[in-house]
C-alpha atoms as a PDB file:
ATOM      1  CA  UNK A   1      82.364 166.469  51.168  1.00  0.00           C
ATOM      2  CA  UNK A   2      79.284 165.269  49.284  1.00  0.00           C
ATOM      3  CA  UNK A   3      76.025 167.090  49.984  1.00  0.00           C
ATOM      4  CA  UNK A   4      72.489 166.068  49.093  1.00  0.00           C
ATOM      5  CA  UNK A   5      70.631 169.349  48.537  1.00  0.00           C
ATOM      6  CA  UNK A   6      67.281 169.569  46.821  1.00  0.00           C
ATOM      7  CA  UNK A   7      65.585 172.841  45.905  1.00  0.00           C
ATOM      8  CA  UNK A   8      61.961 172.600  44.794  1.00  0.00           C
ATOM      9  CA  UNK A   9      60.367 175.802  43.467  1.00  0.00           C
ATOM     10  CA  UNK A  10      56.749 176.445  42.522  1.00  0.00           C
ATOM     11  CA  UNK A  11      56.141 179.864  40.996  1.00  0.00           C
ATOM     12  CA  UNK A  12      53.558 181.779  39.077  1.00  0.00           C
ATOM     13  CA  UNK A  13      55.167 184.030  36.488  1.00  0.00           C
ATOM     14  CA  UNK A  14      54.205 186.687  33.966  1.00  0.00           C
ATOM     15  CA  UNK A  15      56.852 185.760  31.375  1.00  0.00           C
ATOM     16  CA  UNK A  16      57.259 181.980  30.952  1.00  0.00           C
ATOM     17  CA  UNK A  17      59.717 180.736  28.371  1.00  0.00           C
ATOM     18  CA  UNK A  18      58.039 179.151  25.319  1.00  0.00           C
ATOM     19  CA  UNK A  19      61.037 178.890  22.991  1.00  0.00           C
ATOM     20  CA  UNK A  20      62.901 175.570  23.264  1.00  0.00           C
ATOM     21  CA  UNK A  21      66.297 176.954  22.240  1.00  0.00           C
ATOM     22  CA  UNK A  22      66.108 179.875  24.655  1.00  0.00           C
ATOM     23  CA  UNK A  23      64.916 177.536  27.415  1.00  0.00           C
ATOM     24  CA  UNK A  24      68.023 175.391  26.964  1.00  0.00           C
ATOM     25  CA  UNK A  25      70.285 178.445  27.004  1.00  0.00           C
ATOM     26  CA  UNK A  26      68.592 179.783  30.130  1.00  0.00           C
ATOM     27  CA  UNK A  27      68.899 176.478  31.987  1.00  0.00           C
ATOM     28  CA  UNK A  28      72.572 176.263  31.015  1.00  0.00           C
ATOM     29  CA  UNK A  29      72.999 179.789  32.363  1.00  0.00           C
ATOM     30  CA  UNK A  30      71.557 178.653  35.711  1.00  0.00           C
ATOM     31  CA  UNK A  31      73.871 175.642  35.786  1.00  0.00           C
ATOM     32  CA  UNK A  32      76.859 177.913  35.141  1.00  0.00           C
ATOM     33  CA  UNK A  33      75.740 180.449  37.753  1.00  0.00           C
ATOM     34  CA  UNK A  34      75.528 177.796  40.482  1.00  0.00           C
ATOM     35  CA  UNK A  35      78.960 176.527  39.413  1.00  0.00           C
ATOM     36  CA  UNK A  36      77.896 173.090  38.219  1.00  0.00           C
ATOM     37  CA  UNK A  37      79.166 171.009  35.296  1.00  0.00           C
ATOM     38  CA  UNK A  38      76.757 169.759  32.624  1.00  0.00           C
ATOM     39  CA  UNK A  39      77.076 166.107  31.612  1.00  0.00           C
ATOM     40  CA  UNK A  40      74.054 165.877  29.290  1.00  0.00           C
ATOM     41  CA  UNK A  41      71.727 168.520  27.925  1.00  0.00           C
ATOM     42  CA  UNK A  42      70.068 170.754  28.478  1.00  0.00           C
ATOM     43  CA  UNK A  43      67.247 169.079  26.568  1.00  0.00           C
ATOM     44  CA  UNK A  44      63.845 170.647  25.968  1.00  0.00           C
ATOM     45  CA  UNK A  45      60.465 169.713  24.589  1.00  0.00           C
ATOM     46  CA  UNK A  46      57.297 171.743  24.198  1.00  0.00           C
ATOM     47  CA  UNK A  47      53.967 169.983  24.744  1.00  0.00           C
ATOM     48  CA  UNK A  48      51.055 171.340  22.676  1.00  0.00           C
ATOM     49  CA  UNK A  49      48.314 169.247  24.323  1.00  0.00           C
ATOM     50  CA  UNK A  50      45.468 171.467  25.582  1.00  0.00           C
ATOM     51  CA  UNK A  51      45.336 171.453  29.360  1.00  0.00           C
ATOM     52  CA  UNK A  52      48.991 170.439  29.596  1.00  0.00           C
ATOM     53  CA  UNK A  53      50.620 172.931  27.243  1.00  0.00           C
ATOM     54  CA  UNK A  54      54.109 174.020  28.195  1.00  0.00           C
ATOM     55  CA  UNK A  55      57.817 173.334  28.261  1.00  0.00           C
ATOM     56  CA  UNK A  56      60.038 170.835  29.995  1.00  0.00           C
ATOM     57  CA  UNK A  57      63.763 171.482  30.006  1.00  0.00           C
ATOM     58  CA  UNK A  58      66.239 169.255  31.795  1.00  0.00           C
ATOM     59  CA  UNK A  59      69.935 168.639  32.265  1.00  0.00           C
ATOM     60  CA  UNK A  60      72.040 166.035  33.973  1.00  0.00           C
ATOM     61  CA  UNK A  61      74.780 167.725  35.941  1.00  0.00           C
ATOM     62  CA  UNK A  62      77.885 166.129  37.371  1.00  0.00           C
ATOM     63  CA  UNK A  63      76.304 166.351  40.803  1.00  0.00           C
ATOM     64  CA  UNK A  64      72.722 165.292  39.829  1.00  0.00           C
ATOM     65  CA  UNK A  65      70.068 167.176  37.801  1.00  0.00           C
ATOM     66  CA  UNK A  66      68.210 170.418  37.043  1.00  0.00           C
ATOM     67  CA  UNK A  67      64.677 170.284  35.588  1.00  0.00           C
ATOM     68  CA  UNK A  68      62.128 173.007  34.850  1.00  0.00           C
ATOM     69  CA  UNK A  69      58.510 172.527  33.798  1.00  0.00           C
ATOM     70  CA  UNK A  70      56.231 175.335  32.608  1.00  0.00           C
ATOM     71  CA  UNK A  71      52.506 175.461  31.958  1.00  0.00           C
ATOM     72  CA  UNK A  72      51.696 178.583  29.962  1.00  0.00           C
ATOM     73  CA  UNK A  73      47.970 178.279  29.224  1.00  0.00           C
ATOM     74  CA  UNK A  74      47.035 179.968  32.463  1.00  0.00           C
ATOM     75  CA  UNK A  75      47.846 183.536  33.412  1.00  0.00           C
ATOM     76  CA  UNK A  76      49.998 183.927  35.327  1.00  0.00           C
ATOM     77  CA  UNK A  77      51.820 180.828  34.076  1.00  0.00           C
ATOM     78  CA  UNK A  78      53.013 178.069  36.386  1.00  0.00           C
ATOM     79  CA  UNK A  79      56.703 177.161  36.594  1.00  0.00           C
ATOM     80  CA  UNK A  80      58.157 174.311  38.638  1.00  0.00           C
ATOM     81  CA  UNK A  81      61.938 174.100  39.086  1.00  0.00           C
ATOM     82  CA  UNK A  82      63.891 171.231  40.607  1.00  0.00           C
ATOM     83  CA  UNK A  83      67.596 171.546  41.441  1.00  0.00           C
ATOM     84  CA  UNK A  84      69.170 168.510  43.068  1.00  0.00           C
ATOM     85  CA  UNK A  85      72.882 168.602  43.760  1.00  0.00           C
ATOM     86  CA  UNK A  86      75.563 166.784  45.691  1.00  0.00           C
ATOM     87  CA  UNK A  87      77.449 170.099  45.806  1.00  0.00           C
ATOM     88  CA  UNK A  88      76.607 173.240  47.787  1.00  0.00           C
ATOM     89  CA  UNK A  89      74.860 176.069  45.909  1.00  0.00           C
ATOM     90  CA  UNK A  90      73.348 179.407  46.895  1.00  0.00           C
ATOM     91  CA  UNK A  91      69.573 179.869  46.933  1.00  0.00           C
ATOM     92  CA  UNK A  92      69.823 183.574  46.165  1.00  0.00           C
ATOM     93  CA  UNK A  93      71.674 182.826  42.916  1.00  0.00           C
ATOM     94  CA  UNK A  94      68.769 180.642  41.784  1.00  0.00           C
ATOM     95  CA  UNK A  95      66.182 183.265  42.750  1.00  0.00           C
ATOM     96  CA  UNK A  96      68.134 186.043  41.009  1.00  0.00           C
ATOM     97  CA  UNK A  97      68.200 183.894  37.837  1.00  0.00           C
ATOM     98  CA  UNK A  98      64.468 183.219  38.202  1.00  0.00           C
ATOM     99  CA  UNK A  99      63.689 186.967  38.039  1.00  0.00           C
ATOM    100  CA  UNK A 100      63.843 186.850  34.207  1.00  0.00           C
ATOM    101  CA  UNK A 101      60.421 185.158  34.237  1.00  0.00           C
ATOM    102  CA  UNK A 102      58.819 188.034  36.173  1.00  0.00           C
ATOM    103  CA  UNK A 103      57.597 185.981  39.155  1.00  0.00           C
ATOM    104  CA  UNK A 104      54.299 186.946  40.754  1.00  0.00           C
ATOM    105  CA  UNK A 105      54.675 184.438  43.591  1.00  0.00           C
ATOM    106  CA  UNK A 106      57.459 182.037  44.524  1.00  0.00           C
ATOM    107  CA  UNK A 107      57.135 179.167  46.972  1.00  0.00           C
ATOM    108  CA  UNK A 108      59.984 176.787  47.688  1.00  0.00           C
ATOM    109  CA  UNK A 109      61.339 174.014  49.856  1.00  0.00           C
ATOM    110  CA  UNK A 110      65.059 173.516  50.354  1.00  0.00           C
ATOM    111  CA  UNK A 111      65.826 170.046  51.611  1.00  0.00           C
ATOM    112  CA  UNK A 112      68.887 168.371  53.020  1.00  0.00           C
ATOM    113  CA  UNK A 113      68.476 164.789  51.811  1.00  0.00           C
ATOM    114  CA  UNK A 114      71.691 163.551  53.410  1.00  0.00           C
ATOM    115  CA  UNK A 115      69.799 161.695  56.141  1.00  0.00           C
ATOM    116  CA  UNK A 116      66.051 162.071  55.787  1.00  0.00           C
ATOM    117  CA  UNK A 117      64.305 165.083  54.285  1.00  0.00           C
ATOM    118  CA  UNK A 118      65.234 167.923  56.626  1.00  0.00           C
ATOM    119  CA  UNK A 119      64.159 171.421  55.556  1.00  0.00           C
ATOM    120  CA  UNK A 120      67.000 173.918  55.493  1.00  0.00           C
END
């Protein structure tokens, strides 16, 4: 049965990823851990513009998408992660994966978008 699950994470971290190749490998690792299939990507770009410096890494998965944005000028750095899937996945798996960035604080919303935007 198709699901419509959307995890939105906002975290401050001590160790943001700044290497584009490693960022792609790490996002692919997350996709594999939550048992999804990659259709395109992961793709990454690093923005060097002062005030907006950081990484965006994204992938289209068979069941939707996974995107992570980082802003590394501030300390701790800001990381935003978006996992949208039409297949069930475990929150704890995502948070265990996230530990590699040494989170200081993690806030999240987990939404069931099947009919409305109900928090799970």
